[in-house]
PDB file of all heavy atoms in Angstrom:
ATOM      1  N   VAL A   1      -2.631   9.750  -4.091  1.00  0.00           N
ATOM      2  CA  VAL A   1      -1.244   9.495  -3.690  1.00  0.00           C
ATOM      3  C   VAL A   1      -0.967  10.242  -2.396  1.00  0.00           C
ATOM      4  O   VAL A   1      -1.236  11.447  -2.294  1.00  0.00           O
ATOM      5  CB  VAL A   1      -0.245   9.943  -4.776  1.00  0.00           C
ATOM      6  CG1 VAL A   1       1.185   9.639  -4.332  1.00  0.00           C
ATOM      7  CG2 VAL A   1      -0.552   9.260  -6.094  1.00  0.00           C
ATOM      8  N   ILE A   2      -0.450   9.546  -1.404  1.00  0.00           N
ATOM      9  CA  ILE A   2      -0.244  10.107  -0.067  1.00  0.00           C
ATOM     10  C   ILE A   2       1.196   9.848   0.362  1.00  0.00           C
ATOM     11  O   ILE A   2       1.706   8.737   0.179  1.00  0.00           O
ATOM     12  CB  ILE A   2      -1.215   9.464   0.940  1.00  0.00           C
ATOM     13  CG1 ILE A   2      -2.656   9.819   0.572  1.00  0.00           C
ATOM     14  CG2 ILE A   2      -0.904   9.896   2.368  1.00  0.00           C
ATOM     15  CD1 ILE A   2      -3.673   8.870   1.096  1.00  0.00           C
ATOM     16  N   ARG A   3       1.835  10.868   0.905  1.00  0.00           N
ATOM     17  CA  ARG A   3       3.173  10.649   1.488  1.00  0.00           C
ATOM     18  C   ARG A   3       2.994  10.245   2.944  1.00  0.00           C
ATOM     19  O   ARG A   3       2.606  11.047   3.792  1.00  0.00           O
ATOM     20  CB  ARG A   3       4.040  11.899   1.375  1.00  0.00           C
ATOM     21  CG  ARG A   3       5.483  11.624   1.833  1.00  0.00           C
ATOM     22  CD  ARG A   3       6.357  12.851   1.784  1.00  0.00           C
ATOM     23  NE  ARG A   3       7.711  12.533   2.245  1.00  0.00           N
ATOM     24  CZ  ARG A   3       8.624  13.449   2.567  1.00  0.00           C
ATOM     25  NH1 ARG A   3       8.327  14.738   2.473  1.00  0.00           N
ATOM     26  NH2 ARG A   3       9.809  13.084   2.992  1.00  0.00           N
ATOM     27  N   GLN A   4       3.307   9.008   3.231  1.00  0.00           N
ATOM     28  CA  GLN A   4       3.132   8.471   4.571  1.00  0.00           C
ATOM     29  C   GLN A   4       4.156   9.065   5.528  1.00  0.00           C
ATOM     30  O   GLN A   4       3.889   9.249   6.706  1.00  0.00           O
ATOM     31  CB  GLN A   4       3.261   6.934   4.523  1.00  0.00           C
ATOM     32  CG  GLN A   4       3.272   6.247   5.881  1.00  0.00           C
ATOM     33  CD  GLN A   4       1.895   6.131   6.483  1.00  0.00           C
ATOM     34  OE1 GLN A   4       0.946   6.777   6.034  1.00  0.00           O
ATOM     35  NE2 GLN A   4       1.761   5.316   7.512  1.00  0.00           N
ATOM     36  N   GLY A   5       5.324   9.390   5.005  1.00  0.00           N
ATOM     37  CA  GLY A   5       6.385   9.941   5.845  1.00  0.00           C
ATOM     38  C   GLY A   5       7.734   9.439   5.363  1.00  0.00           C
ATOM     39  O   GLY A   5       7.857   8.308   4.917  1.00  0.00           O
ATOM     40  N   GLY A   6       8.766  10.299   5.446  1.00  0.00           N
ATOM     41  CA  GLY A   6      10.097   9.881   5.012  1.00  0.00           C
ATOM     42  C   GLY A   6      10.102   9.505   3.546  1.00  0.00           C
ATOM     43  O   GLY A   6       9.756  10.297   2.674  1.00  0.00           O
ATOM     44  N   ASP A   7      10.493   8.257   3.274  1.00  0.00           N
ATOM     45  CA  ASP A   7      10.531   7.776   1.888  1.00  0.00           C
ATOM     46  C   ASP A   7       9.428   6.752   1.623  1.00  0.00           C
ATOM     47  O   ASP A   7       9.564   5.891   0.766  1.00  0.00           O
ATOM     48  CB  ASP A   7      11.899   7.170   1.573  1.00  0.00           C
ATOM     49  CG  ASP A   7      12.265   6.037   2.532  1.00  0.00           C
ATOM     50  OD1 ASP A   7      11.508   5.812   3.495  1.00  0.00           O
ATOM     51  OD2 ASP A   7      13.293   5.378   2.322  1.00  0.00           O
ATOM     52  N   GLU A   8       8.323   6.852   2.366  1.00  0.00           N
ATOM     53  CA  GLU A   8       7.205   5.927   2.219  1.00  0.00           C
ATOM     54  C   GLU A   8       5.983   6.651   1.659  1.00  0.00           C
ATOM     55  O   GLU A   8       5.651   7.748   2.086  1.00  0.00           O
ATOM     56  CB  GLU A   8       6.857   5.282   3.565  1.00  0.00           C
ATOM     57  CG  GLU A   8       7.983   4.440   4.142  1.00  0.00           C
ATOM     58  CD  GLU A   8       7.634   3.864   5.495  1.00  0.00           C
ATOM     59  OE1 GLU A   8       6.652   4.349   6.107  1.00  0.00           O
ATOM     60  OE2 GLU A   8       8.318   2.941   5.950  1.00  0.00           O
ATOM     61  N   PHE A   9       5.316   5.993   0.690  1.00  0.00           N
ATOM     62  CA  PHE A   9       4.149   6.573   0.033  1.00  0.00           C
ATOM     63  C   PHE A   9       3.014   5.553   0.014  1.00  0.00           C
ATOM     64  O   PHE A   9       3.263   4.342  -0.025  1.00  0.00           O
ATOM     65  CB  PHE A   9       4.490   6.991  -1.400  1.00  0.00           C
ATOM     66  CG  PHE A   9       5.515   8.074  -1.487  1.00  0.00           C
ATOM     67  CD1 PHE A   9       6.871   7.795  -1.364  1.00  0.00           C
ATOM     68  CD2 PHE A   9       5.129   9.391  -1.690  1.00  0.00           C
ATOM     69  CE1 PHE A   9       7.827   8.790  -1.447  1.00  0.00           C
ATOM     70  CE2 PHE A   9       6.082  10.400  -1.782  1.00  0.00           C
ATOM     71  CZ  PHE A   9       7.425  10.098  -1.652  1.00  0.00           C
ATOM     72  N   ILE A  10       1.785   6.061   0.034  1.00  0.00           N
ATOM     73  CA  ILE A  10       0.593   5.216  -0.033  1.00  0.00           C
ATOM     74  C   ILE A  10      -0.243   5.658  -1.225  1.00  0.00           C
ATOM     75  O   ILE A  10      -0.389   6.859  -1.485  1.00  0.00           O
ATOM     76  CB  ILE A  10      -0.223   5.306   1.267  1.00  0.00           C
ATOM     77  CG1 ILE A  10       0.517   4.590   2.397  1.00  0.00           C
ATOM     78  CG2 ILE A  10      -1.610   4.698   1.095  1.00  0.00           C
ATOM     79  CD1 ILE A  10      -0.105   4.783   3.748  1.00  0.00           C
ATOM     80  N   ILE A  11      -0.790   4.684  -1.937  1.00  0.00           N
ATOM     81  CA  ILE A  11      -1.669   4.979  -3.077  1.00  0.00           C
ATOM     82  C   ILE A  11      -2.986   4.250  -2.861  1.00  0.00           C
ATOM     83  O   ILE A  11      -3.000   3.033  -2.614  1.00  0.00           O
ATOM     84  CB  ILE A  11      -1.034   4.523  -4.406  1.00  0.00           C
ATOM     85  CG1 ILE A  11       0.315   5.208  -4.622  1.00  0.00           C
ATOM     86  CG2 ILE A  11      -1.978   4.813  -5.572  1.00  0.00           C
ATOM     87  CD1 ILE A  11       1.102   4.653  -5.794  1.00  0.00           C
ATOM     88  N   LEU A  12      -4.086   4.980  -2.927  1.00  0.00           N
ATOM     89  CA  LEU A  12      -5.421   4.379  -2.910  1.00  0.00           C
ATOM     90  C   LEU A  12      -5.899   4.296  -4.352  1.00  0.00           C
ATOM     91  O   LEU A  12      -5.969   5.310  -5.047  1.00  0.00           O
ATOM     92  CB  LEU A  12      -6.390   5.218  -2.076  1.00  0.00           C
ATOM     93  CG  LEU A  12      -6.041   5.396  -0.588  1.00  0.00           C
ATOM     94  CD1 LEU A  12      -7.058   6.311   0.084  1.00  0.00           C
ATOM     95  CD2 LEU A  12      -5.984   4.058   0.121  1.00  0.00           C
ATOM     96  N   SER A  13      -6.212   3.082  -4.787  1.00  0.00           N
ATOM     97  CA  SER A  13      -6.579   2.870  -6.190  1.00  0.00           C
ATOM     98  C   SER A  13      -7.863   2.065  -6.280  1.00  0.00           C
ATOM     99  O   SER A  13      -8.096   1.159  -5.468  1.00  0.00           O
ATOM    100  CB  SER A  13      -5.452   2.133  -6.927  1.00  0.00           C
ATOM    101  OG  SER A  13      -5.841   1.795  -8.234  1.00  0.00           O
ATOM    102  N   ARG A  14      -8.677   2.381  -7.284  1.00  0.00           N
ATOM    103  CA  ARG A  14      -9.921   1.632  -7.496  1.00  0.00           C
ATOM    104  C   ARG A  14      -9.681   0.327  -8.258  1.00  0.00           C
ATOM    105  O   ARG A  14     -10.596  -0.457  -8.463  1.00  0.00           O
ATOM    106  CB  ARG A  14     -10.922   2.501  -8.279  1.00  0.00           C
ATOM    107  CG  ARG A  14     -11.493   3.656  -7.468  1.00  0.00           C
ATOM    108  CD  ARG A  14     -12.279   3.205  -6.273  1.00  0.00           C
ATOM    109  NE  ARG A  14     -12.864   4.307  -5.516  1.00  0.00           N
ATOM    110  CZ  ARG A  14     -13.479   4.159  -4.360  1.00  0.00           C
ATOM    111  NH1 ARG A  14     -13.569   2.958  -3.811  1.00  0.00           N
ATOM    112  NH2 ARG A  14     -13.976   5.205  -3.727  1.00  0.00           N
ATOM    113  N   ARG A  15      -8.445   0.093  -8.694  1.00  0.00           N
ATOM    114  CA  ARG A  15      -8.128  -1.171  -9.371  1.00  0.00           C
ATOM    115  C   ARG A  15      -8.202  -2.315  -8.356  1.00  0.00           C
ATOM    116  O   ARG A  15      -7.676  -2.193  -7.243  1.00  0.00           O
ATOM    117  CB  ARG A  15      -6.736  -1.119  -9.989  1.00  0.00           C
ATOM    118  CG  ARG A  15      -6.562  -0.033 -11.053  1.00  0.00           C
ATOM    119  CD  ARG A  15      -5.105   0.085 -11.449  1.00  0.00           C
ATOM    120  NE  ARG A  15      -4.868   1.160 -12.400  1.00  0.00           N
ATOM    121  CZ  ARG A  15      -4.567   0.971 -13.685  1.00  0.00           C
ATOM    122  NH1 ARG A  15      -4.469  -0.257 -14.169  1.00  0.00           N
ATOM    123  NH2 ARG A  15      -4.359   1.992 -14.487  1.00  0.00           N
ATOM    124  N   THR A  16      -8.782  -3.432  -8.770  1.00  0.00           N
ATOM    125  CA  THR A  16      -8.929  -4.557  -7.842  1.00  0.00           C
ATOM    126  C   THR A  16      -8.548  -5.908  -8.449  1.00  0.00           C
ATOM    127  O   THR A  16      -8.311  -6.865  -7.702  1.00  0.00           O
ATOM    128  CB  THR A  16     -10.385  -4.653  -7.329  1.00  0.00           C
ATOM    129  OG1 THR A  16     -11.275  -4.732  -8.456  1.00  0.00           O
ATOM    130  CG2 THR A  16     -10.739  -3.435  -6.483  1.00  0.00           C
ATOM    131  N   GLU A  17      -8.505  -6.008  -9.765  1.00  0.00           N
ATOM    132  CA  GLU A  17      -8.136  -7.274 -10.390  1.00  0.00           C
ATOM    133  C   GLU A  17      -6.648  -7.545 -10.148  1.00  0.00           C
ATOM    134  O   GLU A  17      -5.806  -6.669 -10.357  1.00  0.00           O
ATOM    135  CB  GLU A  17      -8.421  -7.242 -11.886  1.00  0.00           C
ATOM    136  CG  GLU A  17      -9.892  -7.174 -12.246  1.00  0.00           C
ATOM    137  CD  GLU A  17     -10.642  -8.416 -11.796  1.00  0.00           C
ATOM    138  OE1 GLU A  17     -10.026  -9.505 -11.783  1.00  0.00           O
ATOM    139  OE2 GLU A  17     -11.820  -8.291 -11.440  1.00  0.00           O
ATOM    140  N   THR A  18      -6.345  -8.760  -9.697  1.00  0.00           N
ATOM    141  CA  THR A  18      -4.981  -9.091  -9.288  1.00  0.00           C
ATOM    142  C   THR A  18      -3.959  -8.782 -10.368  1.00  0.00           C
ATOM    143  O   THR A  18      -2.952  -8.095 -10.134  1.00  0.00           O
ATOM    144  CB  THR A  18      -4.893 -10.567  -8.882  1.00  0.00           C
ATOM    145  OG1 THR A  18      -5.765 -10.800  -7.774  1.00  0.00           O
ATOM    146  CG2 THR A  18      -3.474 -10.944  -8.505  1.00  0.00           C
ATOM    147  N   GLN A  19      -4.200  -9.271 -11.573  1.00  0.00           N
ATOM    148  CA  GLN A  19      -3.235  -9.065 -12.651  1.00  0.00           C
ATOM    149  C   GLN A  19      -3.099  -7.588 -12.986  1.00  0.00           C
ATOM    150  O   GLN A  19      -2.000  -7.086 -13.247  1.00  0.00           O
ATOM    151  CB  GLN A  19      -3.672  -9.854 -13.900  1.00  0.00           C
ATOM    152  CG  GLN A  19      -2.645  -9.883 -15.022  1.00  0.00           C
ATOM    153  CD  GLN A  19      -1.337 -10.537 -14.599  1.00  0.00           C
ATOM    154  OE1 GLN A  19      -1.334 -11.467 -13.799  1.00  0.00           O
ATOM    155  NE2 GLN A  19      -0.232 -10.051 -15.136  1.00  0.00           N
ATOM    156  N   ASP A  20      -4.223  -6.887 -12.941  1.00  0.00           N
ATOM    157  CA  ASP A  20      -4.229  -5.463 -13.267  1.00  0.00           C
ATOM    158  C   ASP A  20      -3.406  -4.664 -12.266  1.00  0.00           C
ATOM    159  O   ASP A  20      -2.576  -3.823 -12.645  1.00  0.00           O
ATOM    160  CB  ASP A  20      -5.668  -4.953 -13.297  1.00  0.00           C
ATOM    161  CG  ASP A  20      -5.747  -3.491 -13.712  1.00  0.00           C
ATOM    162  OD1 ASP A  20      -4.911  -3.063 -14.540  1.00  0.00           O
ATOM    163  OD2 ASP A  20      -6.641  -2.776 -13.212  1.00  0.00           O
ATOM    164  N   ILE A  21      -3.608  -4.913 -10.971  1.00  0.00           N
ATOM    165  CA  ILE A  21      -2.882  -4.124  -9.969  1.00  0.00           C
ATOM    166  C   ILE A  21      -1.398  -4.484  -9.949  1.00  0.00           C
ATOM    167  O   ILE A  21      -0.552  -3.624  -9.701  1.00  0.00           O
ATOM    168  CB  ILE A  21      -3.501  -4.275  -8.562  1.00  0.00           C
ATOM    169  CG1 ILE A  21      -3.524  -5.735  -8.114  1.00  0.00           C
ATOM    170  CG2 ILE A  21      -4.871  -3.673  -8.511  1.00  0.00           C
ATOM    171  CD1 ILE A  21      -4.087  -5.914  -6.714  1.00  0.00           C
ATOM    172  N   LEU A  22      -1.069  -5.746 -10.241  1.00  0.00           N
ATOM    173  CA  LEU A  22       0.345  -6.126 -10.303  1.00  0.00           C
ATOM    174  C   LEU A  22       1.038  -5.449 -11.486  1.00  0.00           C
ATOM    175  O   LEU A  22       2.166  -4.951 -11.368  1.00  0.00           O
ATOM    176  CB  LEU A  22       0.493  -7.638 -10.399  1.00  0.00           C
ATOM    177  CG  LEU A  22       0.161  -8.426  -9.117  1.00  0.00           C
ATOM    178  CD1 LEU A  22       0.238  -9.920  -9.372  1.00  0.00           C
ATOM    179  CD2 LEU A  22       1.103  -8.031  -7.973  1.00  0.00           C
ATOM    180  N   GLU A  23       0.356  -5.418 -12.638  1.00  0.00           N
ATOM    181  CA  GLU A  23       0.923  -4.735 -13.804  1.00  0.00           C
ATOM    182  C   GLU A  23       1.027  -3.231 -13.551  1.00  0.00           C
ATOM    183  O   GLU A  23       2.003  -2.583 -13.960  1.00  0.00           O
ATOM    184  CB  GLU A  23       0.055  -5.016 -15.034  1.00  0.00           C
ATOM    185  CG  GLU A  23       0.149  -6.457 -15.530  1.00  0.00           C
ATOM    186  CD  GLU A  23      -0.773  -6.725 -16.705  1.00  0.00           C
ATOM    187  OE1 GLU A  23      -1.533  -5.795 -17.075  1.00  0.00           O
ATOM    188  OE2 GLU A  23      -0.749  -7.857 -17.244  1.00  0.00           O
ATOM    189  N   HIS A  24       0.013  -2.690 -12.873  1.00  0.00           N
ATOM    190  CA  HIS A  24       0.044  -1.269 -12.534  1.00  0.00           C
ATOM    191  C   HIS A  24       1.220  -0.975 -11.598  1.00  0.00           C
ATOM    192  O   HIS A  24       1.934   0.027 -11.756  1.00  0.00           O
ATOM    193  CB  HIS A  24      -1.275  -0.877 -11.862  1.00  0.00           C
ATOM    194  CG  HIS A  24      -1.419   0.599 -11.648  1.00  0.00           C
ATOM    195  ND1 HIS A  24      -1.880   1.134 -10.468  1.00  0.00           N
ATOM    196  CD2 HIS A  24      -1.147   1.655 -12.460  1.00  0.00           C
ATOM    197  CE1 HIS A  24      -1.904   2.451 -10.572  1.00  0.00           C
ATOM    198  NE2 HIS A  24      -1.473   2.796 -11.768  1.00  0.00           N
ATOM    199  N   GLY A  25       1.431  -1.855 -10.631  1.00  0.00           N
ATOM    200  CA  GLY A  25       2.560  -1.706  -9.719  1.00  0.00           C
ATOM    201  C   GLY A  25       3.886  -1.768 -10.444  1.00  0.00           C
ATOM    202  O   GLY A  25       4.810  -0.981 -10.171  1.00  0.00           O
ATOM    203  N   GLU A  26       4.007  -2.702 -11.382  1.00  0.00           N
ATOM    204  CA  GLU A  26       5.237  -2.817 -12.173  1.00  0.00           C
ATOM    205  C   GLU A  26       5.475  -1.550 -12.997  1.00  0.00           C
ATOM    206  O   GLU A  26       6.617  -1.096 -13.157  1.00  0.00           O
ATOM    207  CB  GLU A  26       5.152  -4.034 -13.094  1.00  0.00           C
ATOM    208  CG  GLU A  26       5.156  -5.376 -12.383  1.00  0.00           C
ATOM    209  CD  GLU A  26       6.510  -5.738 -11.815  1.00  0.00           C
ATOM    210  OE1 GLU A  26       7.484  -4.991 -12.062  1.00  0.00           O
ATOM    211  OE2 GLU A  26       6.595  -6.755 -11.103  1.00  0.00           O
ATOM    212  N   GLU A  27       4.392  -0.986 -13.528  1.00  0.00           N
ATOM    213  CA  GLU A  27       4.519   0.248 -14.308  1.00  0.00           C
ATOM    214  C   GLU A  27       5.021   1.397 -13.433  1.00  0.00           C
ATOM    215  O   GLU A  27       5.869   2.196 -13.849  1.00  0.00           O
ATOM    216  CB  GLU A  27       3.167   0.618 -14.915  1.00  0.00           C
ATOM    217  CG  GLU A  27       3.214   1.880 -15.780  1.00  0.00           C
ATOM    218  CD  GLU A  27       1.837   2.316 -16.249  1.00  0.00           C
ATOM    219  OE1 GLU A  27       0.844   1.650 -15.893  1.00  0.00           O
ATOM    220  OE2 GLU A  27       1.768   3.341 -16.947  1.00  0.00           O
ATOM    221  N   ILE A  28       4.491   1.468 -12.206  1.00  0.00           N
ATOM    222  CA  ILE A  28       4.941   2.504 -11.274  1.00  0.00           C
ATOM    223  C   ILE A  28       6.435   2.352 -10.993  1.00  0.00           C
ATOM    224  O   ILE A  28       7.208   3.306 -11.078  1.00  0.00           O
ATOM    225  CB  ILE A  28       4.126   2.437  -9.966  1.00  0.00           C
ATOM    226  CG1 ILE A  28       2.670   2.853 -10.226  1.00  0.00           C
ATOM    227  CG2 ILE A  28       4.748   3.332  -8.900  1.00  0.00           C
ATOM    228  CD1 ILE A  28       1.760   2.664  -9.024  1.00  0.00           C
ATOM    229  N   LEU A  29       6.857   1.131 -10.664  1.00  0.00           N
ATOM    230  CA  LEU A  29       8.266   0.891 -10.348  1.00  0.00           C
ATOM    231  C   LEU A  29       9.172   1.164 -11.545  1.00  0.00           C
ATOM    232  O   LEU A  29      10.274   1.692 -11.390  1.00  0.00           O
ATOM    233  CB  LEU A  29       8.459  -0.549  -9.861  1.00  0.00           C
ATOM    234  CG  LEU A  29       7.821  -0.908  -8.514  1.00  0.00           C
ATOM    235  CD1 LEU A  29       8.200  -2.318  -8.123  1.00  0.00           C
ATOM    236  CD2 LEU A  29       8.250   0.073  -7.432  1.00  0.00           C
TER     237      LEU A  29
END
């Protein structure tokens, strides 16, 4: 997890399956 600056963040993840990363994103939100 990286703070890009201000209120922006970047996450590098080894997840690559479309459904998996979308569900992971929804969980984060």
